[in-house]
Amino acid sequence: MISILDIVHDTMVDGPGFRTSIYCAGCSNACPGCHNPQSWDINNGKMMTTKEITDIIKEDPFANVTFSGGDPMFQPDGFTELAEAIHIETSKTIWCFTGFKFETLIKNHAQKSLLEKIDVLVDGPF
């Protein structure tokens, strides 16, 4: 289960081309340039299963996928499972935005597992 704040189809602001952006809830980085401070509280999201999210992603056959938030790295197990399902069931690429630096993520087993499943990482405080 992943706490999801919103899912937006056909956005062009979270990576190249049309994307389905998965905005998760939960983040304690409190980046000064954060565009989604309402996403910091994990309780602001709706708990969704990997299957529910994957089915929504598959509704748009052309858009690739972006994980944003909040911060997906606060829910690495759920997002790793989701990334695996996306790669099995689609040919979509996955971008992931996080306030963590790459050097920090590779030291955490769960976060490193998610890194191995995404195509592009946009890292660092915003």
N, C-alpha and C. Protein backbone atom coordinates (compact mmCIF):
# COMPACT_ATOMS: atom_id res chain seq x y z
N MET A 1 0.84 -1.19 0.00
CA MET A 1 0.00 0.00 0.00
C MET A 1 0.89 1.25 0.00
N ILE A 2 0.43 2.23 -0.75
CA ILE A 2 1.15 3.50 -0.86
C ILE A 2 0.16 4.63 -0.57
N SER A 3 0.59 5.61 0.21
CA SER A 3 -0.23 6.78 0.47
C SER A 3 -0.09 7.75 -0.70
N ILE A 4 -1.19 7.93 -1.45
CA ILE A 4 -1.19 8.72 -2.68
C ILE A 4 -1.99 10.00 -2.47
N LEU A 5 -1.38 11.12 -2.81
CA LEU A 5 -2.05 12.42 -2.72
C LEU A 5 -2.88 12.67 -3.98
N ASP A 6 -2.31 12.34 -5.15
CA ASP A 6 -3.01 12.58 -6.41
C ASP A 6 -2.32 11.82 -7.53
N ILE A 7 -3.06 11.53 -8.58
CA ILE A 7 -2.52 10.96 -9.81
C ILE A 7 -3.00 11.85 -10.94
N VAL A 8 -2.07 12.39 -11.72
CA VAL A 8 -2.40 13.33 -12.79
C VAL A 8 -1.95 12.76 -14.12
N HIS A 9 -2.90 12.63 -15.05
CA HIS A 9 -2.58 12.15 -16.40
C HIS A 9 -2.16 13.32 -17.29
N ASP A 10 -1.33 13.01 -18.26
CA ASP A 10 -0.96 13.93 -19.34
C ASP A 10 -0.34 15.24 -18.86
N THR A 11 0.42 15.19 -17.78
CA THR A 11 1.15 16.37 -17.35
C THR A 11 2.46 16.46 -18.14
N MET A 12 2.95 17.66 -18.33
CA MET A 12 4.20 17.87 -19.07
C MET A 12 5.24 18.59 -18.21
N VAL A 13 5.02 18.65 -16.90
CA VAL A 13 5.93 19.39 -16.03
C VAL A 13 6.84 18.50 -15.19
N ASP A 14 6.66 17.19 -15.26
CA ASP A 14 7.42 16.27 -14.41
C ASP A 14 8.31 15.33 -15.21
N GLY A 15 8.91 15.86 -16.26
CA GLY A 15 9.76 15.06 -17.13
C GLY A 15 9.37 15.30 -18.58
N PRO A 16 10.10 14.69 -19.51
CA PRO A 16 9.84 14.95 -20.93
C PRO A 16 8.56 14.29 -21.43
N GLY A 17 7.88 14.99 -22.33
CA GLY A 17 6.68 14.44 -22.94
C GLY A 17 5.52 14.35 -21.97
N PHE A 18 4.48 13.64 -22.40
CA PHE A 18 3.32 13.43 -21.53
C PHE A 18 3.66 12.37 -20.49
N ARG A 19 3.23 12.63 -19.25
CA ARG A 19 3.54 11.71 -18.16
C ARG A 19 2.30 11.54 -17.28
N THR A 20 2.19 10.39 -16.66
CA THR A 20 1.26 10.19 -15.57
C THR A 20 2.07 10.37 -14.30
N SER A 21 1.75 11.40 -13.54
CA SER A 21 2.50 11.70 -12.32
C SER A 21 1.78 11.15 -11.10
N ILE A 22 2.52 10.40 -10.32
CA ILE A 22 2.02 9.82 -9.08
C ILE A 22 2.56 10.67 -7.94
N TYR A 23 1.69 11.47 -7.32
CA TYR A 23 2.10 12.33 -6.21
C TYR A 23 1.78 11.62 -4.90
N CYS A 24 2.82 11.22 -4.20
CA CYS A 24 2.61 10.52 -2.94
C CYS A 24 2.53 11.51 -1.79
N ALA A 25 2.00 11.03 -0.68
CA ALA A 25 1.99 11.81 0.55
C ALA A 25 3.11 11.30 1.44
N GLY A 26 3.68 12.21 2.21
CA GLY A 26 4.72 11.84 3.15
C GLY A 26 6.09 12.36 2.78
N CYS A 27 6.60 13.29 3.58
CA CYS A 27 7.95 13.81 3.40
C CYS A 27 8.30 14.67 4.61
N SER A 28 9.50 14.47 5.13
CA SER A 28 9.93 15.32 6.25
C SER A 28 11.13 16.17 5.87
N ASN A 29 11.48 16.21 4.58
CA ASN A 29 12.61 17.02 4.14
C ASN A 29 12.33 18.52 4.24
N ALA A 30 11.07 18.91 4.05
CA ALA A 30 10.66 20.32 4.11
C ALA A 30 11.57 21.22 3.28
N CYS A 31 11.79 20.84 2.03
CA CYS A 31 12.64 21.63 1.13
C CYS A 31 12.06 23.04 0.97
N PRO A 32 12.90 24.08 1.02
CA PRO A 32 12.40 25.45 0.92
C PRO A 32 11.70 25.75 -0.40
N GLY A 33 12.06 25.08 -1.48
CA GLY A 33 11.43 25.32 -2.77
C GLY A 33 10.35 24.32 -3.13
N CYS A 34 9.85 23.57 -2.15
CA CYS A 34 8.84 22.53 -2.41
C CYS A 34 7.58 23.14 -3.01
N HIS A 35 7.08 22.50 -4.08
CA HIS A 35 5.85 22.96 -4.74
C HIS A 35 4.61 22.32 -4.12
N ASN A 36 4.79 21.30 -3.27
CA ASN A 36 3.65 20.56 -2.73
C ASN A 36 3.74 20.39 -1.21
N PRO A 37 3.80 21.48 -0.43
CA PRO A 37 3.92 21.30 1.03
C PRO A 37 2.73 20.56 1.64
N GLN A 38 1.58 20.57 0.97
CA GLN A 38 0.43 19.83 1.47
C GLN A 38 0.68 18.32 1.43
N SER A 39 1.72 17.91 0.71
CA SER A 39 2.03 16.48 0.59
C SER A 39 2.94 15.98 1.71
N TRP A 40 3.41 16.84 2.57
CA TRP A 40 4.35 16.43 3.61
C TRP A 40 3.72 15.45 4.61
N ASP A 41 2.45 15.65 4.94
CA ASP A 41 1.76 14.80 5.91
C ASP A 41 1.25 13.54 5.21
N ILE A 42 1.79 12.39 5.60
CA ILE A 42 1.40 11.13 4.96
C ILE A 42 -0.09 10.85 5.12
N ASN A 43 -0.71 11.43 6.15
CA ASN A 43 -2.14 11.22 6.39
C ASN A 43 -3.02 11.98 5.41
N ASN A 44 -2.45 12.89 4.62
CA ASN A 44 -3.21 13.61 3.61
C ASN A 44 -3.48 12.76 2.37
N GLY A 45 -2.83 11.61 2.28
CA GLY A 45 -2.99 10.74 1.12
C GLY A 45 -4.07 9.69 1.32
N LYS A 46 -4.37 9.01 0.23
CA LYS A 46 -5.31 7.89 0.22
C LYS A 46 -4.49 6.63 0.02
N MET A 47 -4.68 5.63 0.86
CA MET A 47 -3.95 4.38 0.72
C MET A 47 -4.46 3.61 -0.50
N MET A 48 -3.53 3.26 -1.39
CA MET A 48 -3.89 2.55 -2.62
C MET A 48 -2.95 1.36 -2.79
N THR A 49 -3.46 0.31 -3.43
CA THR A 49 -2.64 -0.86 -3.72
C THR A 49 -1.85 -0.64 -5.00
N THR A 50 -0.82 -1.44 -5.16
CA THR A 50 -0.03 -1.40 -6.39
C THR A 50 -0.92 -1.66 -7.60
N LYS A 51 -1.82 -2.62 -7.50
CA LYS A 51 -2.71 -2.95 -8.62
C LYS A 51 -3.60 -1.76 -8.98
N GLU A 52 -4.17 -1.10 -7.97
CA GLU A 52 -5.02 0.06 -8.24
C GLU A 52 -4.25 1.13 -9.01
N ILE A 53 -3.04 1.41 -8.56
CA ILE A 53 -2.24 2.46 -9.20
C ILE A 53 -1.81 2.03 -10.59
N THR A 54 -1.38 0.79 -10.74
CA THR A 54 -0.95 0.29 -12.05
C THR A 54 -2.10 0.33 -13.04
N ASP A 55 -3.30 -0.04 -12.62
CA ASP A 55 -4.46 0.02 -13.51
C ASP A 55 -4.73 1.45 -13.98
N ILE A 56 -4.58 2.42 -13.09
CA ILE A 56 -4.77 3.83 -13.47
C ILE A 56 -3.68 4.25 -14.46
N ILE A 57 -2.45 3.85 -14.22
CA ILE A 57 -1.34 4.19 -15.13
C ILE A 57 -1.60 3.62 -16.51
N LYS A 58 -2.13 2.40 -16.58
CA LYS A 58 -2.35 1.74 -17.87
C LYS A 58 -3.51 2.35 -18.65
N GLU A 59 -4.33 3.20 -18.02
CA GLU A 59 -5.42 3.88 -18.73
C GLU A 59 -4.88 4.79 -19.82
N ASP A 60 -3.68 5.30 -19.65
CA ASP A 60 -3.06 6.17 -20.65
C ASP A 60 -1.94 5.39 -21.33
N PRO A 61 -2.18 4.91 -22.55
CA PRO A 61 -1.19 4.04 -23.20
C PRO A 61 0.07 4.76 -23.67
N PHE A 62 0.05 6.09 -23.72
CA PHE A 62 1.18 6.82 -24.30
C PHE A 62 2.08 7.50 -23.28
N ALA A 63 1.54 7.88 -22.13
CA ALA A 63 2.31 8.66 -21.16
C ALA A 63 3.25 7.77 -20.36
N ASN A 64 4.46 8.26 -20.12
CA ASN A 64 5.39 7.60 -19.21
C ASN A 64 5.02 8.00 -17.78
N VAL A 65 5.81 7.61 -16.80
CA VAL A 65 5.42 7.74 -15.40
C VAL A 65 6.45 8.55 -14.62
N THR A 66 5.95 9.38 -13.70
CA THR A 66 6.81 10.10 -12.76
C THR A 66 6.32 9.84 -11.35
N PHE A 67 7.26 9.50 -10.46
CA PHE A 67 6.99 9.41 -9.03
C PHE A 67 7.43 10.73 -8.41
N SER A 68 6.52 11.39 -7.69
CA SER A 68 6.85 12.65 -7.04
C SER A 68 6.12 12.72 -5.72
N GLY A 69 6.05 13.88 -5.15
CA GLY A 69 5.39 13.90 -3.85
C GLY A 69 5.18 15.29 -3.33
N GLY A 70 5.28 15.15 -2.01
CA GLY A 70 5.88 14.26 -1.05
C GLY A 70 7.25 13.77 -1.56
N ASP A 71 7.61 12.63 -1.07
CA ASP A 71 8.86 12.03 -1.51
C ASP A 71 8.69 10.52 -1.57
N PRO A 72 8.77 9.94 -2.77
CA PRO A 72 8.61 8.48 -2.91
C PRO A 72 9.60 7.69 -2.07
N MET A 73 10.74 8.28 -1.75
CA MET A 73 11.76 7.56 -0.98
C MET A 73 11.37 7.38 0.49
N PHE A 74 10.25 8.01 0.93
CA PHE A 74 9.73 7.76 2.26
C PHE A 74 8.83 6.52 2.28
N GLN A 75 8.50 6.00 1.09
CA GLN A 75 7.71 4.77 0.96
C GLN A 75 8.40 3.85 -0.06
N PRO A 76 9.66 3.53 0.16
CA PRO A 76 10.43 2.83 -0.88
C PRO A 76 9.92 1.43 -1.20
N ASP A 77 9.42 0.71 -0.22
CA ASP A 77 8.96 -0.66 -0.50
C ASP A 77 7.76 -0.64 -1.43
N GLY A 78 6.79 0.22 -1.15
CA GLY A 78 5.61 0.31 -2.00
C GLY A 78 5.95 0.78 -3.40
N PHE A 79 6.83 1.78 -3.51
CA PHE A 79 7.20 2.28 -4.83
C PHE A 79 8.08 1.30 -5.60
N THR A 80 8.87 0.50 -4.90
CA THR A 80 9.65 -0.53 -5.59
C THR A 80 8.70 -1.56 -6.20
N GLU A 81 7.71 -1.97 -5.43
CA GLU A 81 6.71 -2.92 -5.94
C GLU A 81 5.96 -2.32 -7.13
N LEU A 82 5.61 -1.05 -7.04
CA LEU A 82 4.91 -0.38 -8.13
C LEU A 82 5.79 -0.30 -9.37
N ALA A 83 7.05 0.07 -9.21
CA ALA A 83 7.97 0.16 -10.35
C ALA A 83 8.13 -1.20 -11.03
N GLU A 84 8.22 -2.26 -10.23
CA GLU A 84 8.33 -3.61 -10.80
C GLU A 84 7.09 -3.93 -11.63
N ALA A 85 5.90 -3.62 -11.10
CA ALA A 85 4.66 -3.88 -11.83
C ALA A 85 4.59 -3.08 -13.12
N ILE A 86 5.01 -1.82 -13.07
CA ILE A 86 5.00 -0.98 -14.27
C ILE A 86 5.90 -1.58 -15.34
N HIS A 87 7.09 -2.02 -14.96
CA HIS A 87 8.01 -2.59 -15.94
C HIS A 87 7.52 -3.93 -16.48
N ILE A 88 6.83 -4.71 -15.68
CA ILE A 88 6.30 -6.00 -16.14
C ILE A 88 5.11 -5.80 -17.07
N GLU A 89 4.22 -4.86 -16.73
CA GLU A 89 2.96 -4.72 -17.45
C GLU A 89 2.96 -3.67 -18.55
N THR A 90 4.00 -2.84 -18.62
CA THR A 90 4.04 -1.77 -19.63
C THR A 90 5.47 -1.60 -20.14
N SER A 91 5.61 -0.72 -21.11
CA SER A 91 6.95 -0.36 -21.60
C SER A 91 7.29 1.09 -21.20
N LYS A 92 6.62 1.59 -20.19
CA LYS A 92 6.79 2.98 -19.75
C LYS A 92 8.10 3.19 -18.99
N THR A 93 8.67 4.38 -19.15
CA THR A 93 9.84 4.75 -18.35
C THR A 93 9.36 5.41 -17.06
N ILE A 94 10.23 5.39 -16.05
CA ILE A 94 9.89 5.95 -14.74
C ILE A 94 10.94 6.97 -14.33
N TRP A 95 10.47 8.19 -14.06
CA TRP A 95 11.30 9.22 -13.43
C TRP A 95 10.89 9.29 -11.97
N CYS A 96 11.84 9.62 -11.10
CA CYS A 96 11.56 9.76 -9.67
C CYS A 96 12.21 11.03 -9.14
N PHE A 97 11.40 11.89 -8.54
CA PHE A 97 11.88 13.11 -7.89
C PHE A 97 12.00 12.85 -6.40
N THR A 98 13.13 13.24 -5.81
CA THR A 98 13.34 13.07 -4.37
C THR A 98 14.18 14.22 -3.82
N GLY A 99 13.94 14.54 -2.56
CA GLY A 99 14.75 15.55 -1.89
C GLY A 99 16.05 15.00 -1.34
N PHE A 100 16.22 13.68 -1.39
CA PHE A 100 17.46 13.06 -0.95
C PHE A 100 18.52 13.14 -2.05
N LYS A 101 19.76 13.11 -1.67
CA LYS A 101 20.87 13.01 -2.63
C LYS A 101 21.14 11.54 -2.92
N PHE A 102 21.59 11.25 -4.13
CA PHE A 102 21.90 9.89 -4.55
C PHE A 102 22.83 9.20 -3.56
N GLU A 103 23.83 9.93 -3.09
CA GLU A 103 24.82 9.36 -2.17
C GLU A 103 24.20 8.87 -0.87
N THR A 104 23.13 9.50 -0.45
CA THR A 104 22.41 9.07 0.75
C THR A 104 21.54 7.85 0.45
N LEU A 105 20.88 7.87 -0.69
CA LEU A 105 19.95 6.79 -1.05
C LEU A 105 20.63 5.44 -1.18
N ILE A 106 21.84 5.42 -1.72
CA ILE A 106 22.50 4.13 -1.95
C ILE A 106 22.96 3.47 -0.65
N LYS A 107 22.90 4.19 0.45
CA LYS A 107 23.29 3.63 1.75
C LYS A 107 22.12 2.93 2.45
N ASN A 108 20.91 3.12 1.94
CA ASN A 108 19.71 2.54 2.54
C ASN A 108 19.22 1.42 1.62
N HIS A 109 19.10 0.21 2.15
CA HIS A 109 18.76 -0.95 1.32
C HIS A 109 17.43 -0.76 0.56
N ALA A 110 16.38 -0.34 1.26
CA ALA A 110 15.07 -0.20 0.63
C ALA A 110 15.09 0.88 -0.45
N GLN A 111 15.72 2.01 -0.15
CA GLN A 111 15.79 3.09 -1.14
C GLN A 111 16.66 2.70 -2.33
N LYS A 112 17.74 1.98 -2.07
CA LYS A 112 18.60 1.51 -3.15
C LYS A 112 17.84 0.54 -4.06
N SER A 113 16.98 -0.29 -3.48
CA SER A 113 16.16 -1.21 -4.29
C SER A 113 15.25 -0.44 -5.23
N LEU A 114 14.67 0.67 -4.75
CA LEU A 114 13.84 1.49 -5.63
C LEU A 114 14.69 2.13 -6.72
N LEU A 115 15.86 2.62 -6.38
CA LEU A 115 16.75 3.22 -7.38
C LEU A 115 17.01 2.26 -8.54
N GLU A 116 17.14 0.99 -8.23
CA GLU A 116 17.44 -0.01 -9.25
C GLU A 116 16.28 -0.25 -10.20
N LYS A 117 15.07 0.23 -9.85
CA LYS A 117 13.88 0.00 -10.67
C LYS A 117 13.45 1.21 -11.48
N ILE A 118 14.03 2.38 -11.21
CA ILE A 118 13.62 3.58 -11.95
C ILE A 118 14.62 3.86 -13.07
N ASP A 119 14.19 4.70 -14.01
CA ASP A 119 15.03 5.01 -15.17
C ASP A 119 15.81 6.31 -14.99
N VAL A 120 15.19 7.30 -14.35
CA VAL A 120 15.85 8.60 -14.15
C VAL A 120 15.55 9.08 -12.73
N LEU A 121 16.60 9.51 -12.03
CA LEU A 121 16.46 10.08 -10.70
C LEU A 121 16.75 11.58 -10.77
N VAL A 122 15.84 12.38 -10.22
CA VAL A 122 16.06 13.81 -10.05
C VAL A 122 16.19 14.00 -8.54
N ASP A 123 17.43 14.23 -8.08
CA ASP A 123 17.69 14.19 -6.64
C ASP A 123 18.11 15.54 -6.08
N GLY A 124 18.00 15.63 -4.76
CA GLY A 124 18.46 16.81 -4.04
C GLY A 124 17.31 17.70 -3.61
N PRO A 125 17.56 18.52 -2.58
CA PRO A 125 16.53 19.43 -2.08
C PRO A 125 16.05 20.40 -3.16
N PHE A 126 14.79 20.78 -3.07
CA PHE A 126 14.19 21.68 -4.05
C PHE A 126 14.02 23.06 -3.46
